[in-house]
PDB file of all heavy atoms in Angstrom:
ATOM      1  N   THR A   1     -20.246 -21.998  -5.722  1.00  0.00           N
ATOM      2  CA  THR A   1     -21.480 -21.303  -5.471  1.00  0.00           C
ATOM      3  C   THR A   1     -22.208 -21.861  -4.334  1.00  0.00           C
ATOM      4  O   THR A   1     -22.812 -21.165  -3.570  1.00  0.00           O
ATOM      5  CB  THR A   1     -22.316 -21.169  -6.709  1.00  0.00           C
ATOM      6  OG1 THR A   1     -22.653 -22.461  -7.230  1.00  0.00           O
ATOM      7  CG2 THR A   1     -21.543 -20.285  -7.788  1.00  0.00           C
ATOM      8  N   GLU A   2     -22.284 -23.170  -4.245  1.00  0.00           N
ATOM      9  CA  GLU A   2     -23.063 -23.800  -3.158  1.00  0.00           C
ATOM     10  C   GLU A   2     -22.248 -23.512  -1.750  1.00  0.00           C
ATOM     11  O   GLU A   2     -22.927 -23.191  -0.840  1.00  0.00           O
ATOM     12  CB  GLU A   2     -23.137 -25.299  -3.262  1.00  0.00           C
ATOM     13  CG  GLU A   2     -23.778 -26.071  -2.180  1.00  0.00           C
ATOM     14  CD  GLU A   2     -25.178 -25.604  -1.817  1.00  0.00           C
ATOM     15  OE1 GLU A   2     -25.874 -25.025  -2.686  1.00  0.00           O
ATOM     16  OE2 GLU A   2     -25.569 -25.727  -0.621  1.00  0.00           O
ATOM     17  N   ALA A   3     -20.977 -23.584  -1.800  1.00  0.00           N
ATOM     18  CA  ALA A   3     -20.216 -23.293  -0.602  1.00  0.00           C
ATOM     19  C   ALA A   3     -20.377 -21.845  -0.210  1.00  0.00           C
ATOM     20  O   ALA A   3     -20.438 -21.564   0.957  1.00  0.00           O
ATOM     21  CB  ALA A   3     -18.716 -23.654  -0.864  1.00  0.00           C
ATOM     22  N   LEU A   4     -20.406 -20.944  -1.162  1.00  0.00           N
ATOM     23  CA  LEU A   4     -20.591 -19.557  -0.921  1.00  0.00           C
ATOM     24  C   LEU A   4     -21.959 -19.279  -0.245  1.00  0.00           C
ATOM     25  O   LEU A   4     -22.117 -18.513   0.616  1.00  0.00           O
ATOM     26  CB  LEU A   4     -20.393 -18.788  -2.231  1.00  0.00           C
ATOM     27  CG  LEU A   4     -20.524 -17.256  -2.136  1.00  0.00           C
ATOM     28  CD1 LEU A   4     -19.649 -16.611  -1.116  1.00  0.00           C
ATOM     29  CD2 LEU A   4     -20.281 -16.650  -3.474  1.00  0.00           C
ATOM     30  N   ARG A   5     -22.975 -19.969  -0.861  1.00  0.00           N
ATOM     31  CA  ARG A   5     -24.273 -19.765  -0.270  1.00  0.00           C
ATOM     32  C   ARG A   5     -24.331 -20.185   1.247  1.00  0.00           C
ATOM     33  O   ARG A   5     -24.907 -19.455   2.017  1.00  0.00           O
ATOM     34  CB  ARG A   5     -25.292 -20.585  -1.081  1.00  0.00           C
ATOM     35  CG  ARG A   5     -25.701 -19.965  -2.411  1.00  0.00           C
ATOM     36  CD  ARG A   5     -26.726 -20.792  -3.138  1.00  0.00           C
ATOM     37  NE  ARG A   5     -27.050 -20.260  -4.440  1.00  0.00           N
ATOM     38  CZ  ARG A   5     -28.027 -19.311  -4.625  1.00  0.00           C
ATOM     39  NH1 ARG A   5     -28.737 -18.967  -3.438  1.00  0.00           N
ATOM     40  NH2 ARG A   5     -28.305 -18.768  -5.766  1.00  0.00           N
ATOM     41  N   GLN A   6     -23.703 -21.278   1.515  1.00  0.00           N
ATOM     42  CA  GLN A   6     -23.673 -21.798   2.890  1.00  0.00           C
ATOM     43  C   GLN A   6     -22.880 -20.844   3.768  1.00  0.00           C
ATOM     44  O   GLN A   6     -23.207 -20.572   4.941  1.00  0.00           O
ATOM     45  CB  GLN A   6     -23.202 -23.186   2.917  1.00  0.00           C
ATOM     46  CG  GLN A   6     -24.089 -24.221   2.262  1.00  0.00           C
ATOM     47  CD  GLN A   6     -23.661 -25.702   2.613  1.00  0.00           C
ATOM     48  OE1 GLN A   6     -23.039 -26.014   3.566  1.00  0.00           O
ATOM     49  NE2 GLN A   6     -24.015 -26.541   1.727  1.00  0.00           N
ATOM     50  N   ALA A   7     -21.770 -20.384   3.213  1.00  0.00           N
ATOM     51  CA  ALA A   7     -20.943 -19.423   4.000  1.00  0.00           C
ATOM     52  C   ALA A   7     -21.721 -18.187   4.350  1.00  0.00           C
ATOM     53  O   ALA A   7     -21.594 -17.639   5.543  1.00  0.00           O
ATOM     54  CB  ALA A   7     -19.670 -19.094   3.208  1.00  0.00           C
ATOM     55  N   ILE A   8     -22.404 -17.633   3.455  1.00  0.00           N
ATOM     56  CA  ILE A   8     -23.192 -16.429   3.687  1.00  0.00           C
ATOM     57  C   ILE A   8     -24.334 -16.658   4.729  1.00  0.00           C
ATOM     58  O   ILE A   8     -24.475 -15.836   5.576  1.00  0.00           O
ATOM     59  CB  ILE A   8     -23.791 -15.904   2.343  1.00  0.00           C
ATOM     60  CG1 ILE A   8     -22.720 -15.334   1.368  1.00  0.00           C
ATOM     61  CG2 ILE A   8     -24.893 -14.769   2.594  1.00  0.00           C
ATOM     62  CD1 ILE A   8     -23.257 -14.929   0.028  1.00  0.00           C
ATOM     63  N   ALA A   9     -24.814 -17.810   4.693  1.00  0.00           N
ATOM     64  CA  ALA A   9     -25.891 -18.200   5.617  1.00  0.00           C
ATOM     65  C   ALA A   9     -25.369 -18.365   7.026  1.00  0.00           C
ATOM     66  O   ALA A   9     -26.085 -18.000   8.019  1.00  0.00           O
ATOM     67  CB  ALA A   9     -26.636 -19.458   5.169  1.00  0.00           C
ATOM     68  N   HIS A  10     -24.108 -18.822   7.156  1.00  0.00           N
ATOM     69  CA  HIS A  10     -23.518 -19.162   8.461  1.00  0.00           C
ATOM     70  C   HIS A  10     -22.502 -18.195   8.970  1.00  0.00           C
ATOM     71  O   HIS A  10     -22.075 -18.233  10.117  1.00  0.00           O
ATOM     72  CB  HIS A  10     -22.933 -20.589   8.452  1.00  0.00           C
ATOM     73  CG  HIS A  10     -24.005 -21.664   8.365  1.00  0.00           C
ATOM     74  ND1 HIS A  10     -24.395 -22.117   7.105  1.00  0.00           N
ATOM     75  CD2 HIS A  10     -24.641 -22.420   9.292  1.00  0.00           C
ATOM     76  CE1 HIS A  10     -25.315 -23.065   7.261  1.00  0.00           C
ATOM     77  NE2 HIS A  10     -25.428 -23.299   8.585  1.00  0.00           N
ATOM     78  N   GLY A  11     -21.980 -17.307   8.109  1.00  0.00           N
ATOM     79  CA  GLY A  11     -20.920 -16.423   8.411  1.00  0.00           C
ATOM     80  C   GLY A  11     -21.220 -15.422   9.559  1.00  0.00           C
ATOM     81  O   GLY A  11     -22.396 -14.951   9.599  1.00  0.00           O
ATOM     82  N   ASP A  12     -20.221 -15.220  10.365  1.00  0.00           N
ATOM     83  CA  ASP A  12     -20.373 -14.277  11.516  1.00  0.00           C
ATOM     84  C   ASP A  12     -19.430 -13.122  11.274  1.00  0.00           C
ATOM     85  O   ASP A  12     -18.884 -12.937  10.188  1.00  0.00           O
ATOM     86  CB  ASP A  12     -20.052 -14.960  12.881  1.00  0.00           C
ATOM     87  CG  ASP A  12     -18.667 -15.659  12.865  1.00  0.00           C
ATOM     88  OD1 ASP A  12     -17.868 -15.328  11.972  1.00  0.00           O
ATOM     89  OD2 ASP A  12     -18.432 -16.430  13.875  1.00  0.00           O
ATOM     90  N   GLU A  13     -19.251 -12.253  12.356  1.00  0.00           N
ATOM     91  CA  GLU A  13     -18.369 -11.169  12.233  1.00  0.00           C
ATOM     92  C   GLU A  13     -16.903 -11.548  11.892  1.00  0.00           C
ATOM     93  O   GLU A  13     -16.169 -10.838  11.222  1.00  0.00           O
ATOM     94  CB  GLU A  13     -18.383 -10.276  13.471  1.00  0.00           C
ATOM     95  CG  GLU A  13     -19.729  -9.534  13.597  1.00  0.00           C
ATOM     96  CD  GLU A  13     -19.765  -8.618  14.759  1.00  0.00           C
ATOM     97  OE1 GLU A  13     -18.705  -8.559  15.491  1.00  0.00           O
ATOM     98  OE2 GLU A  13     -20.766  -7.932  15.049  1.00  0.00           O
ATOM     99  N   ASP A  14     -16.478 -12.679  12.462  1.00  0.00           N
ATOM    100  CA  ASP A  14     -15.091 -13.059  12.199  1.00  0.00           C
ATOM    101  C   ASP A  14     -14.917 -13.375  10.651  1.00  0.00           C
ATOM    102  O   ASP A  14     -13.902 -13.094  10.054  1.00  0.00           O
ATOM    103  CB  ASP A  14     -14.751 -14.290  13.005  1.00  0.00           C
ATOM    104  CG  ASP A  14     -14.516 -13.944  14.478  1.00  0.00           C
ATOM    105  OD1 ASP A  14     -14.217 -12.835  14.798  1.00  0.00           O
ATOM    106  OD2 ASP A  14     -14.593 -14.873  15.349  1.00  0.00           O
ATOM    107  N   TRP A  15     -15.919 -14.043  10.096  1.00  0.00           N
ATOM    108  CA  TRP A  15     -15.877 -14.342   8.699  1.00  0.00           C
ATOM    109  C   TRP A  15     -15.816 -13.101   7.824  1.00  0.00           C
ATOM    110  O   TRP A  15     -15.006 -12.955   6.951  1.00  0.00           O
ATOM    111  CB  TRP A  15     -17.117 -15.205   8.289  1.00  0.00           C
ATOM    112  CG  TRP A  15     -17.321 -15.296   6.821  1.00  0.00           C
ATOM    113  CD1 TRP A  15     -16.532 -16.149   5.968  1.00  0.00           C
ATOM    114  CD2 TRP A  15     -18.327 -14.722   6.076  1.00  0.00           C
ATOM    115  NE1 TRP A  15     -17.087 -15.955   4.646  1.00  0.00           N
ATOM    116  CE2 TRP A  15     -18.130 -15.167   4.715  1.00  0.00           C
ATOM    117  CE3 TRP A  15     -19.413 -13.866   6.317  1.00  0.00           C
ATOM    118  CZ2 TRP A  15     -18.950 -14.710   3.614  1.00  0.00           C
ATOM    119  CZ3 TRP A  15     -20.162 -13.464   5.226  1.00  0.00           C
ATOM    120  CH2 TRP A  15     -19.997 -13.863   3.877  1.00  0.00           C
ATOM    121  N   GLU A  16     -16.673 -12.094   8.231  1.00  0.00           N
ATOM    122  CA  GLU A  16     -16.664 -10.844   7.529  1.00  0.00           C
ATOM    123  C   GLU A  16     -15.317 -10.144   7.610  1.00  0.00           C
ATOM    124  O   GLU A  16     -14.789  -9.571   6.604  1.00  0.00           O
ATOM    125  CB  GLU A  16     -17.705  -9.940   8.068  1.00  0.00           C
ATOM    126  CG  GLU A  16     -19.158 -10.327   7.684  1.00  0.00           C
ATOM    127  CD  GLU A  16     -20.171  -9.232   8.083  1.00  0.00           C
ATOM    128  OE1 GLU A  16     -19.791  -8.235   8.707  1.00  0.00           O
ATOM    129  OE2 GLU A  16     -21.313  -9.503   7.878  1.00  0.00           O
ATOM    130  N   SER A  17     -14.709 -10.082   8.768  1.00  0.00           N
ATOM    131  CA  SER A  17     -13.442  -9.400   9.051  1.00  0.00           C
ATOM    132  C   SER A  17     -12.328 -10.094   8.191  1.00  0.00           C
ATOM    133  O   SER A  17     -11.405  -9.400   7.613  1.00  0.00           O
ATOM    134  CB  SER A  17     -13.067  -9.294  10.486  1.00  0.00           C
ATOM    135  OG  SER A  17     -12.824 -10.581  11.031  1.00  0.00           O
ATOM    136  N   GLN A  18     -12.325 -11.395   8.228  1.00  0.00           N
ATOM    137  CA  GLN A  18     -11.321 -12.128   7.353  1.00  0.00           C
ATOM    138  C   GLN A  18     -11.506 -11.913   5.923  1.00  0.00           C
ATOM    139  O   GLN A  18     -10.537 -11.756   5.070  1.00  0.00           O
ATOM    140  CB  GLN A  18     -11.443 -13.589   7.672  1.00  0.00           C
ATOM    141  CG  GLN A  18     -10.948 -13.948   9.091  1.00  0.00           C
ATOM    142  CD  GLN A  18     -11.143 -15.411   9.446  1.00  0.00           C
ATOM    143  OE1 GLN A  18     -11.375 -16.263   8.563  1.00  0.00           O
ATOM    144  NE2 GLN A  18     -11.135 -15.714  10.785  1.00  0.00           N
ATOM    145  N   LEU A  19     -12.808 -11.821   5.456  1.00  0.00           N
ATOM    146  CA  LEU A  19     -13.073 -11.480   4.038  1.00  0.00           C
ATOM    147  C   LEU A  19     -12.589 -10.073   3.637  1.00  0.00           C
ATOM    148  O   LEU A  19     -12.027  -9.922   2.584  1.00  0.00           O
ATOM    149  CB  LEU A  19     -14.563 -11.713   3.799  1.00  0.00           C
ATOM    150  CG  LEU A  19     -15.013 -11.468   2.462  1.00  0.00           C
ATOM    151  CD1 LEU A  19     -14.379 -12.456   1.334  1.00  0.00           C
ATOM    152  CD2 LEU A  19     -16.576 -11.857   2.301  1.00  0.00           C
ATOM    153  N   VAL A  20     -12.873  -9.173   4.562  1.00  0.00           N
ATOM    154  CA  VAL A  20     -12.425  -7.821   4.218  1.00  0.00           C
ATOM    155  C   VAL A  20     -10.881  -7.695   4.127  1.00  0.00           C
ATOM    156  O   VAL A  20     -10.373  -7.140   3.223  1.00  0.00           O
ATOM    157  CB  VAL A  20     -12.920  -6.861   5.396  1.00  0.00           C
ATOM    158  CG1 VAL A  20     -12.285  -5.504   5.293  1.00  0.00           C
ATOM    159  CG2 VAL A  20     -14.436  -6.644   5.374  1.00  0.00           C
ATOM    160  N   ALA A  21     -10.259  -8.446   5.100  1.00  0.00           N
ATOM    161  CA  ALA A  21      -8.779  -8.374   4.991  1.00  0.00           C
ATOM    162  C   ALA A  21      -8.174  -9.077   3.723  1.00  0.00           C
ATOM    163  O   ALA A  21      -7.320  -8.519   3.140  1.00  0.00           O
ATOM    164  CB  ALA A  21      -8.192  -9.075   6.269  1.00  0.00           C
ATOM    165  N   SER A  22      -8.813 -10.197   3.398  1.00  0.00           N
ATOM    166  CA  SER A  22      -8.313 -10.897   2.185  1.00  0.00           C
ATOM    167  C   SER A  22      -8.629 -10.097   0.887  1.00  0.00           C
ATOM    168  O   SER A  22      -7.789 -10.092  -0.007  1.00  0.00           O
ATOM    169  CB  SER A  22      -8.895 -12.285   2.094  1.00  0.00           C
ATOM    170  OG  SER A  22     -10.312 -12.183   1.817  1.00  0.00           O
ATOM    171  N   PHE A  23      -9.736  -9.354   0.909  1.00  0.00           N
ATOM    172  CA  PHE A  23     -10.010  -8.553  -0.274  1.00  0.00           C
ATOM    173  C   PHE A  23      -9.091  -7.330  -0.423  1.00  0.00           C
ATOM    174  O   PHE A  23      -8.541  -6.973  -1.494  1.00  0.00           O
ATOM    175  CB  PHE A  23     -11.501  -8.007  -0.227  1.00  0.00           C
ATOM    176  CG  PHE A  23     -11.834  -7.144  -1.337  1.00  0.00           C
ATOM    177  CD1 PHE A  23     -11.936  -7.609  -2.635  1.00  0.00           C
ATOM    178  CD2 PHE A  23     -11.987  -5.787  -1.110  1.00  0.00           C
ATOM    179  CE1 PHE A  23     -12.241  -6.705  -3.653  1.00  0.00           C
ATOM    180  CE2 PHE A  23     -12.355  -4.970  -2.198  1.00  0.00           C
ATOM    181  CZ  PHE A  23     -12.494  -5.436  -3.404  1.00  0.00           C
ATOM    182  N   TYR A  24      -8.719  -6.797   0.789  1.00  0.00           N
ATOM    183  CA  TYR A  24      -7.805  -5.627   0.767  1.00  0.00           C
ATOM    184  C   TYR A  24      -6.424  -6.125   0.214  1.00  0.00           C
ATOM    185  O   TYR A  24      -5.794  -5.445  -0.628  1.00  0.00           O
ATOM    186  CB  TYR A  24      -7.634  -5.142   2.195  1.00  0.00           C
ATOM    187  CG  TYR A  24      -6.667  -3.994   2.292  1.00  0.00           C
ATOM    188  CD1 TYR A  24      -6.822  -2.737   1.883  1.00  0.00           C
ATOM    189  CD2 TYR A  24      -5.355  -4.341   2.832  1.00  0.00           C
ATOM    190  CE1 TYR A  24      -5.795  -1.787   1.970  1.00  0.00           C
ATOM    191  CE2 TYR A  24      -4.348  -3.418   2.896  1.00  0.00           C
ATOM    192  CZ  TYR A  24      -4.512  -2.028   2.457  1.00  0.00           C
ATOM    193  OH  TYR A  24      -3.582  -1.175   2.589  1.00  0.00           O
ATOM    194  N   ARG A  25      -5.907  -7.240   0.735  1.00  0.00           N
ATOM    195  CA  ARG A  25      -4.660  -7.735   0.285  1.00  0.00           C
ATOM    196  C   ARG A  25      -4.649  -8.057  -1.255  1.00  0.00           C
ATOM    197  O   ARG A  25      -3.631  -7.870  -1.950  1.00  0.00           O
ATOM    198  CB  ARG A  25      -4.228  -8.971   1.102  1.00  0.00           C
ATOM    199  CG  ARG A  25      -3.943  -8.667   2.540  1.00  0.00           C
ATOM    200  CD  ARG A  25      -3.467  -9.887   3.343  1.00  0.00           C
ATOM    201  NE  ARG A  25      -2.132 -10.204   3.018  1.00  0.00           N
ATOM    202  CZ  ARG A  25      -1.750 -11.286   2.307  1.00  0.00           C
ATOM    203  NH1 ARG A  25      -2.659 -12.158   1.880  1.00  0.00           N
ATOM    204  NH2 ARG A  25      -0.454 -11.556   1.951  1.00  0.00           N
ATOM    205  N   LEU A  26      -5.722  -8.657  -1.639  1.00  0.00           N
ATOM    206  CA  LEU A  26      -5.917  -8.968  -3.080  1.00  0.00           C
ATOM    207  C   LEU A  26      -5.910  -7.640  -3.910  1.00  0.00           C
ATOM    208  O   LEU A  26      -5.254  -7.582  -4.999  1.00  0.00           O
ATOM    209  CB  LEU A  26      -7.108  -9.770  -3.425  1.00  0.00           C
ATOM    210  CG  LEU A  26      -7.477 -10.064  -4.836  1.00  0.00           C
ATOM    211  CD1 LEU A  26      -6.347 -10.939  -5.456  1.00  0.00           C
ATOM    212  CD2 LEU A  26      -8.843 -10.855  -4.927  1.00  0.00           C
ATOM    213  N   SER A  27      -6.615  -6.734  -3.465  1.00  0.00           N
ATOM    214  CA  SER A  27      -6.714  -5.346  -4.196  1.00  0.00           C
ATOM    215  C   SER A  27      -5.271  -4.743  -4.371  1.00  0.00           C
ATOM    216  O   SER A  27      -5.049  -4.211  -5.375  1.00  0.00           O
ATOM    217  CB  SER A  27      -7.610  -4.416  -3.483  1.00  0.00           C
ATOM    218  OG  SER A  27      -8.919  -4.887  -3.316  1.00  0.00           O
ATOM    219  N   LYS A  28      -4.482  -4.873  -3.340  1.00  0.00           N
ATOM    220  CA  LYS A  28      -3.137  -4.265  -3.404  1.00  0.00           C
ATOM    221  C   LYS A  28      -2.255  -4.920  -4.507  1.00  0.00           C
ATOM    222  O   LYS A  28      -1.576  -4.264  -5.261  1.00  0.00           O
ATOM    223  CB  LYS A  28      -2.340  -4.411  -2.045  1.00  0.00           C
ATOM    224  CG  LYS A  28      -3.054  -3.585  -0.969  1.00  0.00           C
ATOM    225  CD  LYS A  28      -3.299  -2.197  -1.279  1.00  0.00           C
ATOM    226  CE  LYS A  28      -2.046  -1.340  -1.190  1.00  0.00           C
ATOM    227  NZ  LYS A  28      -2.301   0.107  -1.478  1.00  0.00           N
ATOM    228  N   VAL A  29      -2.381  -6.326  -4.595  1.00  0.00           N
ATOM    229  CA  VAL A  29      -1.534  -6.989  -5.558  1.00  0.00           C
ATOM    230  C   VAL A  29      -2.163  -6.733  -7.041  1.00  0.00           C
ATOM    231  O   VAL A  29      -1.430  -6.832  -7.981  1.00  0.00           O
ATOM    232  CB  VAL A  29      -1.373  -8.521  -5.260  1.00  0.00           C
ATOM    233  CG1 VAL A  29      -2.592  -9.299  -5.659  1.00  0.00           C
ATOM    234  CG2 VAL A  29      -0.134  -9.032  -5.916  1.00  0.00           C
ATOM    235  N   GLU A  30      -3.504  -6.549  -7.073  1.00  0.00           N
ATOM    236  CA  GLU A  30      -4.088  -6.275  -8.486  1.00  0.00           C
ATOM    237  C   GLU A  30      -3.588  -4.896  -8.912  1.00  0.00           C
ATOM    238  O   GLU A  30      -3.466  -4.794 -10.136  1.00  0.00           O
ATOM    239  CB  GLU A  30      -5.585  -6.272  -8.257  1.00  0.00           C
ATOM    240  CG  GLU A  30      -6.202  -7.662  -8.192  1.00  0.00           C
ATOM    241  CD  GLU A  30      -7.729  -7.714  -7.727  1.00  0.00           C
ATOM    242  OE1 GLU A  30      -8.132  -6.682  -7.314  1.00  0.00           O
ATOM    243  OE2 GLU A  30      -8.331  -8.726  -8.087  1.00  0.00           O
ATOM    244  N   GLU A  31      -3.331  -4.006  -8.059  1.00  0.00           N
ATOM    245  CA  GLU A  31      -2.697  -2.708  -8.541  1.00  0.00           C
ATOM    246  C   GLU A  31      -1.338  -2.989  -9.165  1.00  0.00           C
ATOM    247  O   GLU A  31      -0.981  -2.436 -10.203  1.00  0.00           O
ATOM    248  CB  GLU A  31      -2.513  -1.781  -7.284  1.00  0.00           C
ATOM    249  CG  GLU A  31      -3.858  -1.335  -6.758  1.00  0.00           C
ATOM    250  CD  GLU A  31      -3.708  -0.430  -5.503  1.00  0.00           C
ATOM    251  OE1 GLU A  31      -2.479  -0.143  -5.162  1.00  0.00           O
ATOM    252  OE2 GLU A  31      -4.690  -0.020  -4.903  1.00  0.00           O
ATOM    253  N   ARG A  32      -0.573  -3.929  -8.557  1.00  0.00           N
ATOM    254  CA  ARG A  32       0.752  -4.228  -9.115  1.00  0.00           C
ATOM    255  C   ARG A  32       0.716  -5.043 -10.341  1.00  0.00           C
ATOM    256  O   ARG A  32       1.507  -4.885 -11.311  1.00  0.00           O
ATOM    257  CB  ARG A  32       1.540  -5.091  -8.032  1.00  0.00           C
ATOM    258  CG  ARG A  32       2.103  -4.264  -6.843  1.00  0.00           C
ATOM    259  CD  ARG A  32       2.675  -5.162  -5.777  1.00  0.00           C
ATOM    260  NE  ARG A  32       3.525  -6.140  -6.377  1.00  0.00           N
ATOM    261  CZ  ARG A  32       3.660  -7.408  -5.850  1.00  0.00           C
ATOM    262  NH1 ARG A  32       3.051  -7.760  -4.788  1.00  0.00           N
ATOM    263  NH2 ARG A  32       4.617  -8.195  -6.409  1.00  0.00           N
ATOM    264  N   LEU A  33      -0.420  -5.823 -10.425  1.00  0.00           N
ATOM    265  CA  LEU A  33      -0.559  -6.702 -11.619  1.00  0.00           C
ATOM    266  C   LEU A  33      -0.773  -5.854 -12.851  1.00  0.00           C
ATOM    267  O   LEU A  33      -0.308  -6.115 -13.910  1.00  0.00           O
ATOM    268  CB  LEU A  33      -1.790  -7.636 -11.408  1.00  0.00           C
ATOM    269  CG  LEU A  33      -1.985  -8.752 -12.338  1.00  0.00           C
ATOM    270  CD1 LEU A  33      -0.913  -9.754 -12.190  1.00  0.00           C
ATOM    271  CD2 LEU A  33      -3.313  -9.418 -12.106  1.00  0.00           C
ATOM    272  N   ALA A  34      -1.429  -4.679 -12.767  1.00  0.00           N
ATOM    273  CA  ALA A  34      -1.802  -3.839 -13.821  1.00  0.00           C
ATOM    274  C   ALA A  34      -0.478  -3.185 -14.392  1.00  0.00           C
ATOM    275  O   ALA A  34      -0.370  -2.869 -15.517  1.00  0.00           O
ATOM    276  CB  ALA A  34      -2.741  -2.756 -13.388  1.00  0.00           C
ATOM    277  N   GLN A  35       0.467  -3.031 -13.435  1.00  0.00           N
ATOM    278  CA  GLN A  35       1.750  -2.371 -13.776  1.00  0.00           C
ATOM    279  C   GLN A  35       2.829  -3.313 -14.264  1.00  0.00           C
ATOM    280  O   GLN A  35       3.559  -3.069 -15.217  1.00  0.00           O
ATOM    281  CB  GLN A  35       2.305  -1.594 -12.636  1.00  0.00           C
ATOM    282  CG  GLN A  35       1.335  -0.490 -12.112  1.00  0.00           C
ATOM    283  CD  GLN A  35       1.780   0.088 -10.838  1.00  0.00           C
ATOM    284  OE1 GLN A  35       2.835  -0.255 -10.223  1.00  0.00           O
ATOM    285  NE2 GLN A  35       0.937   1.016 -10.274  1.00  0.00           N
ATOM    286  N   ASP A  36       2.944  -4.496 -13.688  1.00  0.00           N
ATOM    287  CA  ASP A  36       3.922  -5.519 -13.975  1.00  0.00           C
ATOM    288  C   ASP A  36       3.386  -6.844 -13.751  1.00  0.00           C
ATOM    289  O   ASP A  36       3.512  -7.506 -12.671  1.00  0.00           O
ATOM    290  CB  ASP A  36       5.234  -5.271 -13.068  1.00  0.00           C
ATOM    291  CG  ASP A  36       6.373  -6.066 -13.546  1.00  0.00           C
ATOM    292  OD1 ASP A  36       6.234  -7.047 -14.347  1.00  0.00           O
ATOM    293  OD2 ASP A  36       7.505  -5.875 -13.090  1.00  0.00           O
ATOM    294  N   GLN A  37       2.833  -7.350 -14.880  1.00  0.00           N
ATOM    295  CA  GLN A  37       1.989  -8.583 -14.852  1.00  0.00           C
ATOM    296  C   GLN A  37       2.940  -9.797 -14.484  1.00  0.00           C
ATOM    297  O   GLN A  37       2.584 -10.635 -13.654  1.00  0.00           O
ATOM    298  CB  GLN A  37       1.294  -8.907 -16.072  1.00  0.00           C
ATOM    299  CG  GLN A  37       0.397 -10.125 -16.174  1.00  0.00           C
ATOM    300  CD  GLN A  37       1.066 -11.314 -16.639  1.00  0.00           C
ATOM    301  OE1 GLN A  37       2.045 -11.278 -17.466  1.00  0.00           O
ATOM    302  NE2 GLN A  37       0.765 -12.495 -16.220  1.00  0.00           N
ATOM    303  N   LYS A  38       4.104  -9.817 -15.046  1.00  0.00           N
ATOM    304  CA  LYS A  38       5.073 -10.888 -14.851  1.00  0.00           C
ATOM    305  C   LYS A  38       5.508 -11.002 -13.399  1.00  0.00           C
ATOM    306  O   LYS A  38       5.614 -12.047 -12.767  1.00  0.00           O
ATOM    307  CB  LYS A  38       6.248 -10.806 -15.811  1.00  0.00           C
ATOM    308  CG  LYS A  38       7.174 -12.050 -15.675  1.00  0.00           C
ATOM    309  CD  LYS A  38       8.295 -11.859 -16.677  1.00  0.00           C
ATOM    310  CE  LYS A  38       9.262 -13.117 -16.641  1.00  0.00           C
ATOM    311  NZ  LYS A  38      10.365 -12.972 -17.613  1.00  0.00           N
ATOM    312  N   ASP A  39       5.901  -9.839 -12.829  1.00  0.00           N
ATOM    313  CA  ASP A  39       6.484  -9.804 -11.488  1.00  0.00           C
ATOM    314  C   ASP A  39       5.416 -10.155 -10.389  1.00  0.00           C
ATOM    315  O   ASP A  39       5.653 -10.724  -9.414  1.00  0.00           O
ATOM    316  CB  ASP A  39       7.026  -8.441 -11.203  1.00  0.00           C
ATOM    317  CG  ASP A  39       7.612  -8.292  -9.859  1.00  0.00           C
ATOM    318  OD1 ASP A  39       8.609  -8.990  -9.491  1.00  0.00           O
ATOM    319  OD2 ASP A  39       7.106  -7.493  -9.059  1.00  0.00           O
ATOM    320  N   ALA A  40       4.150  -9.762 -10.709  1.00  0.00           N
ATOM    321  CA  ALA A  40       3.104  -9.903  -9.703  1.00  0.00           C
ATOM    322  C   ALA A  40       2.282 -11.127  -9.737  1.00  0.00           C
ATOM    323  O   ALA A  40       1.513 -11.426  -8.912  1.00  0.00           O
ATOM    324  CB  ALA A  40       2.164  -8.662  -9.729  1.00  0.00           C
ATOM    325  N   ALA A  41       2.480 -11.963 -10.820  1.00  0.00           N
ATOM    326  CA  ALA A  41       1.656 -13.026 -11.151  1.00  0.00           C
ATOM    327  C   ALA A  41       1.604 -14.126  -9.982  1.00  0.00           C
ATOM    328  O   ALA A  41       0.475 -14.545  -9.577  1.00  0.00           O
ATOM    329  CB  ALA A  41       2.116 -13.765 -12.409  1.00  0.00           C
ATOM    330  N   SER A  42       2.741 -14.428  -9.448  1.00  0.00           N
ATOM    331  CA  SER A  42       2.775 -15.446  -8.370  1.00  0.00           C
ATOM    332  C   SER A  42       2.099 -14.951  -7.129  1.00  0.00           C
ATOM    333  O   SER A  42       1.374 -15.680  -6.472  1.00  0.00           O
ATOM    334  CB  SER A  42       4.271 -15.850  -8.023  1.00  0.00           C
ATOM    335  OG  SER A  42       4.831 -16.542  -9.149  1.00  0.00           O
ATOM    336  N   ASP A  43       2.360 -13.752  -6.810  1.00  0.00           N
ATOM    337  CA  ASP A  43       1.675 -13.129  -5.582  1.00  0.00           C
ATOM    338  C   ASP A  43       0.182 -13.010  -5.830  1.00  0.00           C
ATOM    339  O   ASP A  43      -0.627 -13.274  -4.883  1.00  0.00           O
ATOM    340  CB  ASP A  43       2.234 -11.643  -5.268  1.00  0.00           C
ATOM    341  CG  ASP A  43       3.586 -11.629  -4.659  1.00  0.00           C
ATOM    342  OD1 ASP A  43       4.088 -12.791  -4.232  1.00  0.00           O
ATOM    343  OD2 ASP A  43       4.319 -10.608  -4.727  1.00  0.00           O
ATOM    344  N   TYR A  44      -0.159 -12.723  -7.003  1.00  0.00           N
ATOM    345  CA  TYR A  44      -1.599 -12.685  -7.280  1.00  0.00           C
ATOM    346  C   TYR A  44      -2.272 -14.007  -7.144  1.00  0.00           C
ATOM    347  O   TYR A  44      -3.388 -14.046  -6.507  1.00  0.00           O
ATOM    348  CB  TYR A  44      -1.817 -12.144  -8.726  1.00  0.00           C
ATOM    349  CG  TYR A  44      -3.341 -12.306  -9.099  1.00  0.00           C
ATOM    350  CD1 TYR A  44      -4.249 -11.358  -8.793  1.00  0.00           C
ATOM    351  CD2 TYR A  44      -3.713 -13.403  -9.860  1.00  0.00           C
ATOM    352  CE1 TYR A  44      -5.559 -11.532  -9.176  1.00  0.00           C
ATOM    353  CE2 TYR A  44      -5.034 -13.558 -10.294  1.00  0.00           C
ATOM    354  CZ  TYR A  44      -5.900 -12.649  -9.930  1.00  0.00           C
ATOM    355  OH  TYR A  44      -7.233 -12.787 -10.247  1.00  0.00           O
ATOM    356  N   GLU A  45      -1.694 -15.035  -7.571  1.00  0.00           N
ATOM    357  CA  GLU A  45      -2.257 -16.356  -7.455  1.00  0.00           C
ATOM    358  C   GLU A  45      -2.495 -16.657  -6.019  1.00  0.00           C
ATOM    359  O   GLU A  45      -3.542 -17.160  -5.635  1.00  0.00           O
ATOM    360  CB  GLU A  45      -1.357 -17.427  -8.087  1.00  0.00           C
ATOM    361  CG  GLU A  45      -1.955 -18.837  -8.129  1.00  0.00           C
ATOM    362  CD  GLU A  45      -3.247 -18.930  -8.871  1.00  0.00           C
ATOM    363  OE1 GLU A  45      -3.416 -18.277  -9.800  1.00  0.00           O
ATOM    364  OE2 GLU A  45      -4.060 -19.808  -8.417  1.00  0.00           O
TER     365      GLU A  45
END
């Protein structure tokens, strides 16, 4: 939480774009996780 506070205070557009991309990729594997937990567990981690 301390690291997150500092990141929000110092983050620029590059930080935002990387965060958006990582959230999108995580969302895609979360869809698979709901369907096949065993198969998607490693990718999810």
